[in-house]
Protein backbone atom coordinates (compact mmCIF):
# COMPACT_ATOMS: atom_id res chain seq x y z
CA MET A 1 -18.71 52.17 -44.37
CA SER A 2 -21.14 49.11 -43.37
CA SER A 3 -17.69 47.23 -42.82
CA GLU A 4 -16.20 49.37 -40.39
CA TYR A 5 -19.39 49.43 -38.45
CA CYS A 6 -19.66 45.55 -38.69
CA GLN A 7 -16.18 45.33 -37.39
CA LYS A 8 -16.79 47.34 -34.62
CA SER A 9 -20.07 45.86 -33.87
CA MET A 10 -18.16 42.21 -33.45
CA SER A 11 -15.49 43.84 -31.50
CA THR A 12 -17.86 45.34 -29.10
CA GLU A 13 -19.74 41.94 -28.92
CA ILE A 14 -16.62 39.49 -28.14
CA ILE A 15 -15.48 42.60 -25.19
CA TYR A 16 -19.28 42.19 -23.79
CA THR A 17 -18.80 38.55 -24.16
CA VAL A 18 -15.34 38.19 -22.61
CA ILE A 19 -16.37 40.84 -19.67
CA SER A 20 -19.72 38.70 -19.13
CA LEU A 21 -18.16 35.47 -18.96
CA THR A 22 -15.27 36.56 -17.24
CA ALA A 23 -17.39 37.69 -14.21
CA ILE A 24 -19.94 34.84 -14.51
CA GLY A 25 -16.35 32.54 -13.76
CA ILE A 26 -15.46 35.66 -10.45
CA ILE A 27 -19.16 35.01 -9.16
CA ALA A 28 -19.25 31.21 -9.51
CA ALA A 29 -15.88 30.89 -8.09
CA VAL A 30 -16.87 33.30 -5.20
CA VAL A 31 -20.16 31.49 -4.46
CA ILE A 32 -18.22 27.89 -4.58
CA TYR A 33 -15.37 29.20 -2.46
CA PHE A 34 -18.24 30.26 0.17
CA VAL A 35 -20.64 26.77 -0.08
CA SER A 36 -17.41 24.71 0.59
CA LYS A 37 -16.39 26.61 3.72
CA LYS A 38 -19.70 26.66 4.88
CA PHE A 39 -20.63 23.10 4.31
CA ALA A 40 -16.50 21.88 4.69
CA VAL A 41 -16.00 18.00 6.17
CA GLN A 42 -13.38 18.77 8.93
CA GLU A 43 -10.97 16.35 8.73
CA ASP A 44 -9.00 15.16 11.65
CA PRO A 45 -5.09 16.29 11.71
CA ARG A 46 -4.12 13.05 13.10
CA ILE A 47 -4.68 11.48 9.75
CA SER A 48 -2.42 13.21 7.85
CA ASN A 49 0.26 12.89 10.76
CA VAL A 50 -0.24 9.14 10.48
CA GLU A 51 -0.37 9.08 6.69
CA SER A 52 3.11 10.95 6.78
CA VAL A 53 4.82 8.28 8.70
CA LEU A 54 3.65 5.54 6.73
CA PRO A 55 5.19 3.87 3.96
CA ASN A 56 2.59 5.17 0.61
CA THR A 57 3.45 2.46 -0.87
CA ASN A 58 -0.40 2.04 -1.41
CA CYS A 59 -0.02 -2.05 -1.73
CA GLY A 60 -3.36 -3.05 0.21
CA GLY A 61 -1.03 -5.39 2.46
CA CYS A 62 -2.51 -4.09 5.81
CA GLY A 63 -6.00 -4.60 4.24
CA GLN A 64 -7.00 -1.07 3.51
CA PRO A 65 -7.20 0.74 -0.01
CA GLY A 66 -4.33 2.18 0.47
CA CYS A 67 -2.43 4.15 2.95
CA HIS A 68 -4.64 6.67 3.49
CA ALA A 69 -7.50 4.54 3.93
CA PHE A 70 -5.46 3.08 6.66
CA ALA A 71 -4.40 5.95 8.04
CA VAL A 72 -8.36 6.43 8.44
CA ALA A 73 -9.31 3.46 10.15
CA VAL A 74 -6.42 3.67 12.25
CA VAL A 75 -7.94 7.59 13.48
CA ASN A 76 -11.37 6.24 13.81
CA THR A 77 -11.16 3.39 15.61
CA GLY A 78 -8.56 4.49 17.89
CA ASP A 79 -7.29 0.51 18.12
CA LEU A 80 -4.10 -1.07 16.70
CA SER A 81 -4.96 -4.74 17.37
CA ASN A 82 -6.35 -5.35 14.18
CA LEU A 83 -4.72 -3.23 12.22
CA HIS A 84 -1.31 -3.48 11.30
CA CYS A 85 1.19 -2.14 8.52
CA PRO A 86 3.34 -4.87 7.64
CA VAL A 87 5.51 -2.55 5.06
CA GLY A 88 6.42 -0.54 7.69
CA GLY A 89 6.78 -3.28 10.67
CA ASN A 90 6.73 -2.60 14.10
CA SER A 91 9.03 0.46 13.90
CA VAL A 92 6.31 2.68 11.55
CA MET A 93 3.18 0.99 14.22
CA LYS A 94 5.25 2.13 17.56
CA ARG A 95 5.33 6.37 15.34
CA VAL A 96 1.21 5.89 14.85
CA ALA A 97 0.76 4.67 18.36
CA ASP A 98 2.64 7.89 19.61
CA ILE A 99 0.33 9.93 17.39
CA LEU A 100 -2.80 8.51 18.62
CA GLY A 101 -1.68 8.31 22.31
CA VAL A 102 -2.37 4.25 22.79
CA GLN A 103 -0.06 1.56 23.20
CA ALA A 104 1.69 -0.03 20.07
CA VAL A 105 1.12 -3.80 19.47
CA GLU A 106 3.96 -5.58 18.08
CA LYS A 107 3.32 -8.41 15.60
CA ASP A 108 5.88 -11.09 14.52
CA PRO A 109 6.84 -10.27 11.45
CA TYR A 110 5.89 -12.32 7.82
CA ILE A 111 7.33 -13.34 5.00
CA ALA A 112 6.25 -14.95 1.75
CA VAL A 113 6.18 -18.99 0.90
CA VAL A 114 6.45 -20.54 -2.01
CA ARG A 115 4.32 -24.40 -1.25
CA CYS A 116 5.13 -25.88 -4.32
CA SER A 117 8.39 -28.17 -4.67
CA GLY A 118 7.19 -29.16 -8.25
CA SER A 119 10.08 -27.97 -10.66
CA PHE A 120 10.82 -29.44 -14.49
CA GLU A 121 12.43 -31.83 -13.09
CA TYR A 122 9.76 -33.27 -11.20
CA ARG A 123 6.67 -32.53 -12.97
CA LYS A 124 6.46 -33.84 -16.30
CA LYS A 125 4.43 -31.98 -19.51
CA THR A 126 1.09 -33.33 -20.42
CA SER A 127 -0.20 -30.34 -22.98
CA VAL A 128 1.05 -27.63 -24.39
CA TYR A 129 -0.50 -24.19 -23.88
CA ASN A 130 0.12 -21.58 -26.42
CA GLY A 131 -2.31 -19.00 -24.91
CA THR A 132 -1.72 -15.65 -23.18
CA SER A 133 1.75 -16.28 -20.65
CA SER A 134 -0.99 -15.35 -17.74
CA CYS A 135 -1.49 -17.82 -14.71
CA LYS A 136 -4.97 -16.61 -14.16
CA ILE A 137 -6.08 -16.82 -17.86
CA GLU A 138 -4.68 -20.44 -17.84
CA ALA A 139 -6.14 -21.15 -14.39
CA ASN A 140 -9.52 -20.70 -15.85
CA LEU A 141 -9.18 -22.51 -19.15
CA TYR A 142 -8.00 -26.17 -17.63
CA SER A 143 -5.78 -27.35 -14.62
CA GLY A 144 -2.18 -26.38 -16.75
CA ASP A 145 -0.10 -28.05 -18.70
CA THR A 146 1.19 -30.80 -15.93
CA GLY A 147 -0.41 -33.71 -14.44
CA CYS A 148 -0.55 -31.60 -11.00
CA ALA A 149 -3.67 -29.51 -11.00
CA TYR A 150 -2.48 -27.79 -7.62
CA GLY A 151 1.36 -26.89 -8.86
CA CYS A 152 2.42 -23.61 -9.87
CA LEU A 153 1.41 -22.59 -13.54
CA GLY A 154 4.78 -20.67 -13.74
CA HIS A 155 3.67 -17.70 -15.68
CA GLY A 156 5.01 -15.13 -13.27
CA ASP A 157 1.78 -13.14 -12.33
CA CYS A 158 2.87 -12.92 -8.72
CA VAL A 159 6.31 -11.51 -9.80
CA ASP A 160 3.81 -8.92 -11.89
CA VAL A 161 2.12 -7.41 -9.06
CA CYS A 162 5.27 -7.37 -6.51
CA ASP A 163 6.16 -3.43 -6.03
CA PHE A 164 9.36 -4.58 -4.02
CA ASP A 165 10.89 -6.51 -6.60
CA ALA A 166 11.09 -8.90 -3.42
CA MET A 167 10.29 -11.97 -6.42
CA TYR A 168 11.53 -13.86 -9.94
CA MET A 169 10.81 -16.59 -11.65
CA ASP A 170 13.97 -19.47 -11.45
CA GLU A 171 14.18 -20.48 -15.36
CA LYS A 172 15.74 -23.58 -14.48
CA THR A 173 12.92 -24.84 -12.19
CA GLY A 174 10.21 -22.67 -13.42
CA LEU A 175 8.73 -21.78 -9.97
CA PRO A 176 8.95 -18.37 -8.35
CA VAL A 177 12.03 -17.34 -6.03
CA ILE A 178 11.33 -14.71 -2.63
CA VAL A 179 14.41 -12.64 -2.33
CA GLU A 180 13.96 -12.70 1.88
CA TYR A 181 15.54 -8.87 2.46
CA LYS A 182 12.85 -7.36 0.15
CA CYS A 183 9.64 -8.98 0.91
CA THR A 184 7.12 -7.08 2.96
CA ALA A 185 4.49 -9.67 3.53
CA CYS A 186 2.31 -6.78 1.66
CA ASN A 187 0.09 -10.18 0.36
CA ALA A 188 -0.18 -8.82 -3.37
CA CYS A 189 1.36 -11.71 -4.74
CA VAL A 190 -0.73 -14.09 -2.56
CA LYS A 191 -4.04 -12.35 -3.49
CA GLU A 192 -2.75 -12.75 -7.15
CA CYS A 193 -1.89 -16.76 -7.82
CA PRO A 194 -4.75 -18.40 -8.77
CA LYS A 195 -3.42 -21.68 -7.06
CA ASP A 196 -3.13 -20.23 -3.65
CA ILE A 197 0.66 -21.58 -3.57
CA LEU A 198 1.51 -18.80 -1.94
CA GLU A 199 1.12 -17.91 1.43
CA LEU A 200 2.26 -15.04 3.89
CA TRP A 201 4.34 -17.27 6.87
CA PRO A 202 5.49 -16.15 10.18
CA LYS A 203 9.52 -15.43 9.58
CA GLY A 204 10.44 -17.34 12.97
CA LYS A 205 13.02 -16.87 15.30
CA LYS A 206 16.47 -16.29 13.85
CA ASN A 207 14.25 -16.69 10.70
CA GLN A 208 13.91 -19.96 10.67
CA ARG A 209 10.73 -21.50 8.69
CA VAL A 210 9.94 -25.51 8.34
CA TYR A 211 6.75 -25.96 6.23
CA VAL A 212 5.21 -28.56 3.52
CA ALA A 213 5.97 -27.18 -0.34
CA CYS A 214 3.11 -28.90 -1.44
CA LEU A 215 -0.94 -28.89 -1.70
CA ASN A 216 -1.62 -31.78 -3.90
CA GLU A 217 -4.86 -33.53 -2.37
CA GLU A 218 -5.10 -36.65 -4.17
CA LYS A 219 -4.35 -39.92 -2.46
CA GLY A 220 -0.20 -41.12 -2.34
CA SER A 221 -0.04 -42.86 -5.38
CA THR A 222 -1.95 -40.64 -7.84
CA ALA A 223 -0.15 -37.83 -6.18
CA ARG A 224 3.33 -39.37 -7.26
CA LYS A 225 2.26 -39.92 -10.49
CA GLU A 226 1.36 -36.01 -11.29
CA CYS A 227 4.44 -35.16 -9.38
CA ALA A 228 7.59 -37.12 -8.17
CA VAL A 229 7.63 -34.72 -4.58
CA ALA A 230 4.27 -34.52 -3.63
CA CYS A 231 3.16 -35.05 -0.56
CA SER A 232 2.01 -38.75 -0.09
CA GLY A 233 -0.12 -38.41 2.88
CA CYS A 234 2.08 -41.27 4.54
CA SER A 235 1.59 -39.34 8.06
CA LYS A 236 5.64 -40.02 8.96
CA CYS A 237 5.85 -36.46 9.64
CA PHE A 238 2.50 -36.28 11.58
CA GLU A 239 3.85 -39.41 14.11
CA SER A 240 6.83 -37.92 14.84
CA CYS A 241 5.67 -34.44 16.23
CA ARG A 242 5.68 -34.22 19.38
CA TYR A 243 4.03 -30.87 19.82
CA ASP A 244 0.62 -31.48 17.46
CA ALA A 245 2.07 -28.85 15.09
CA ILE A 246 1.29 -31.11 12.20
CA SER A 247 -2.11 -32.43 10.66
CA MET A 248 -3.02 -34.45 8.35
CA VAL A 249 -6.23 -32.88 6.14
CA ASN A 250 -6.98 -34.25 2.61
CA ASN A 251 -4.52 -36.61 2.01
CA LEU A 252 -2.21 -33.14 3.09
CA ALA A 253 0.68 -32.85 5.71
CA HIS A 254 0.65 -28.99 7.24
CA ILE A 255 2.70 -27.35 9.76
CA ASP A 256 1.42 -24.92 11.95
CA PRO A 257 3.70 -21.94 12.70
CA GLU A 258 2.01 -20.94 15.86
CA LYS A 259 2.63 -24.58 17.61
CA CYS A 260 6.19 -25.36 15.75
CA LYS A 261 8.68 -25.06 17.77
CA LEU A 262 11.49 -25.60 15.30
CA CYS A 263 12.74 -28.96 16.73
CA MET A 264 13.77 -30.22 13.06
CA GLU A 265 12.40 -33.35 13.96
CA CYS A 266 9.94 -33.86 10.96
CA VAL A 267 12.21 -32.69 8.57
CA GLY A 268 13.59 -36.08 8.07
CA THR A 269 10.55 -38.47 8.17
CA CYS A 270 9.80 -37.37 4.95
CA ASP A 271 11.30 -39.77 1.77
CA VAL A 272 11.08 -37.18 -0.83
CA HIS A 273 12.39 -33.87 1.12
CA ASN A 274 9.83 -32.23 0.25
CA ILE A 275 9.07 -30.46 3.68
CA ILE A 276 11.45 -27.26 3.53
CA THR A 277 13.39 -25.28 5.65
CA THR A 278 15.03 -21.93 5.85
CA ASN A 279 17.78 -20.55 7.42
CA VAL A 280 18.25 -23.77 9.44
CA THR A 281 22.37 -24.79 9.72
CA PRO A 282 23.39 -28.44 8.94
CA GLU A 283 23.92 -29.29 12.33
CA LYS A 284 20.70 -28.37 13.54
CA LEU A 285 18.93 -30.60 10.94
CA GLN A 286 21.39 -33.70 12.34
CA GLN A 287 20.24 -33.10 15.91
CA GLY A 288 16.78 -33.41 14.44
CA ASP A 289 17.48 -35.97 13.43
CA GLU A 290 19.15 -37.56 16.30
CA GLN A 291 16.78 -36.56 18.41
CA ARG A 292 13.62 -38.07 16.54
CA LEU A 293 15.78 -41.25 16.48
CA LYS A 294 16.03 -41.57 20.02
CA HIS A 295 12.20 -41.01 20.72
CA GLU A 296 11.35 -43.32 18.56
CA GLU A 297 13.85 -46.05 19.89
CA ARG A 298 12.26 -45.41 23.43
CA ALA A 299 8.55 -45.72 22.01
CA ARG A 300 9.65 -49.08 20.79
CA LYS A 301 11.14 -50.01 23.66
CA LYS A 302 8.00 -49.07 25.92
CA ARG A 303 5.97 -50.58 23.08
CA GLU A 304 8.23 -54.30 23.77
CA ALA A 305 7.45 -53.69 27.57
CA GLU A 306 3.93 -53.32 27.15
CA LYS A 307 3.77 -56.42 24.67
CA LEU A 308 5.50 -58.34 27.01
CA GLY A 309 3.94 -57.46 30.43
CA ALA A 310 0.97 -57.86 28.42
CA GLN A 311 1.85 -61.59 27.62
CA GLN A 312 3.00 -62.70 31.26
CA SER A 313 -0.05 -60.91 32.54
CA ASN A 314 -2.16 -64.06 29.74
CA ASN A 315 0.54 -66.49 31.03
CA GLU A 316 -0.05 -66.57 34.99
CA PRO A 317 -2.35 -68.97 36.59
CA PRO A 318 -5.44 -67.84 37.93
CA GLN A 319 -5.32 -67.84 41.63
CA ALA A 320 -7.46 -70.07 43.79
């Protein structure tokens, strides 16, 4: 009799407990619902509209943490001059501008370029790295396993962070290769590289580009000992440029893509062919060489004429 009573008592307690917890849960849910409605933060509906036209890759190439943050930023500022989605490009930004009712700001498309030509053939190993296969880890330990402290370490960290399969490591050269039609200029590989050899570069007219693939700031002889195709800082390309598009900084030539006219006259001046051209025909390169030689000949004749004039002026007898 006492056993049956205990069982009934326990069953009753369990039922009361379940009912009480259920009631508490329902009351809490109702309270939370009304509180959420009372203190709800109203989001501009344009944010979701903008986000819906974005690629939603959340790559961070726009400078924001993700596509939602980018949508919030463009809606809050209402200005697209400093905000651009590199993955979607001008077509997506045109749709964003239509949603916001503002003028679309078109920007030239960019692409990642590899500013290092130091393949296995040109950079000899000076040590053996046996650590974790990571550029960041190796860069934190020492300058690298070759003589050049500025070149690619070859572990492919940049390839690992690319969400678009736009890069791969060339087994023959040990350098990353950009797959042009896949690259979205999201900037992920640029931020990942500890040696800063990756750079976003304007795609250029007709998808043509010219850049110096070297970051070695050592003096000429030292740089060439470390890498056979290093920039020696000879300034020949700098002297050949008629548009002030090339500057010499820290023994290194740099081409300004905004000033470069793609005349190709500088390409032939590099004795190790380290001025890289992309999608440029051999005919245009030959034309650039011919134009450069003509300008050099004119400059030579002008110098000779000035020198001759100075000599004749010095040889004239003084007037009485």
